[in-house]
Each structure stands twice: as structure tokens, then as C-alpha cells.
């Protein structure tokens, strides 16, 4: 596995775990970010997916 791909996957996993932990409050943070990604399809998300699957 490529080191850059592995590091990107680890960072994404840490951020998702952090978001899931913060979602315990009154605002579901993970769902809100997911809805934003589905509606607006930001460039940073496309680049992140390309980095993850760059092998």
C-alpha cells in the first residue's frame, strides 16, 4: 500500500471518529456534513477520494 494513501485513510478515519463522537450532542454533525457533500459535491471531497484510491 502506498504511504500517502495509507496516511490519508488514517486521517479520514480519525476525523470520522471525532465527528461521530461530537454527534452525541443536539446536532448530528456527521449526517449534516454527509448531506452537504451529497448536495454541493465540493472539490475537496473529490480530491480526497482521489488521494484515497490513488493506487
Protein backbone atom coordinates (compact mmCIF):
# COMPACT_ATOMS: atom_id res chain seq x y z
CA UNK A 1 0.00 0.00 0.00
CA UNK A 2 1.21 3.48 -0.85
CA UNK A 3 2.31 5.52 2.19
CA UNK A 4 0.42 8.65 1.10
CA UNK A 5 -2.77 6.63 0.60
CA UNK A 6 -2.36 4.97 3.99
CA UNK A 7 -1.81 8.32 5.74
CA UNK A 8 -4.87 9.82 4.04
CA UNK A 9 -7.01 6.86 5.11
CA UNK A 10 -5.81 7.15 8.71
CA UNK A 11 -6.56 10.89 8.76
CA UNK A 12 -10.05 10.30 7.36
CA UNK A 13 -10.73 7.59 9.92
CA UNK A 14 -9.62 9.84 12.80
CA UNK A 15 -11.78 12.72 11.57
CA UNK A 16 -14.83 10.45 11.16
CA UNK A 17 -14.36 9.03 14.68
CA UNK A 18 -14.12 12.59 16.00
CA UNK A 19 -17.30 13.60 14.15
CA UNK A 20 -19.15 10.52 15.45
CA UNK A 21 -18.08 11.41 18.98
CA UNK A 22 -19.23 15.01 18.60
CA UNK A 23 -22.56 13.91 17.10
CA UNK A 24 -23.77 12.80 20.51
CA UNK A 25 -24.89 16.40 21.13
CA UNK A 26 -28.07 18.01 19.80
CA UNK A 27 -26.78 18.49 16.21
CA UNK A 28 -25.96 15.36 14.19
CA UNK A 29 -22.65 16.56 12.76
CA UNK A 30 -21.78 13.52 10.62
CA UNK A 31 -25.18 13.48 8.91
CA UNK A 32 -25.04 17.22 8.29
CA UNK A 33 -21.61 17.00 6.64
CA UNK A 34 -22.76 14.00 4.59
CA UNK A 35 -25.81 15.93 3.39
CA UNK A 36 -23.58 18.89 2.44
CA UNK A 37 -21.31 16.58 0.42
CA UNK A 38 -24.25 14.98 -1.38
CA UNK A 39 -25.92 18.29 -2.26
CA UNK A 40 -22.95 20.51 -3.17
CA UNK A 41 -20.28 17.95 -4.22
CA UNK A 42 -17.31 20.10 -3.09
CA UNK A 43 -13.95 19.89 -4.86
CA UNK A 44 -12.08 18.99 -1.65
CA UNK A 45 -14.15 15.81 -1.32
CA UNK A 46 -13.37 14.70 -4.89
CA UNK A 47 -9.65 15.33 -4.31
CA UNK A 48 -9.80 13.40 -1.03
CA UNK A 49 -11.39 10.39 -2.73
CA UNK A 50 -8.78 10.53 -5.49
CA UNK A 51 -5.99 10.53 -2.88
CA UNK A 52 -7.53 7.58 -1.03
CA UNK A 53 -7.90 5.45 -4.18
CA UNK A 54 -4.76 6.62 -5.95
CA UNK A 55 -3.15 3.17 -6.08
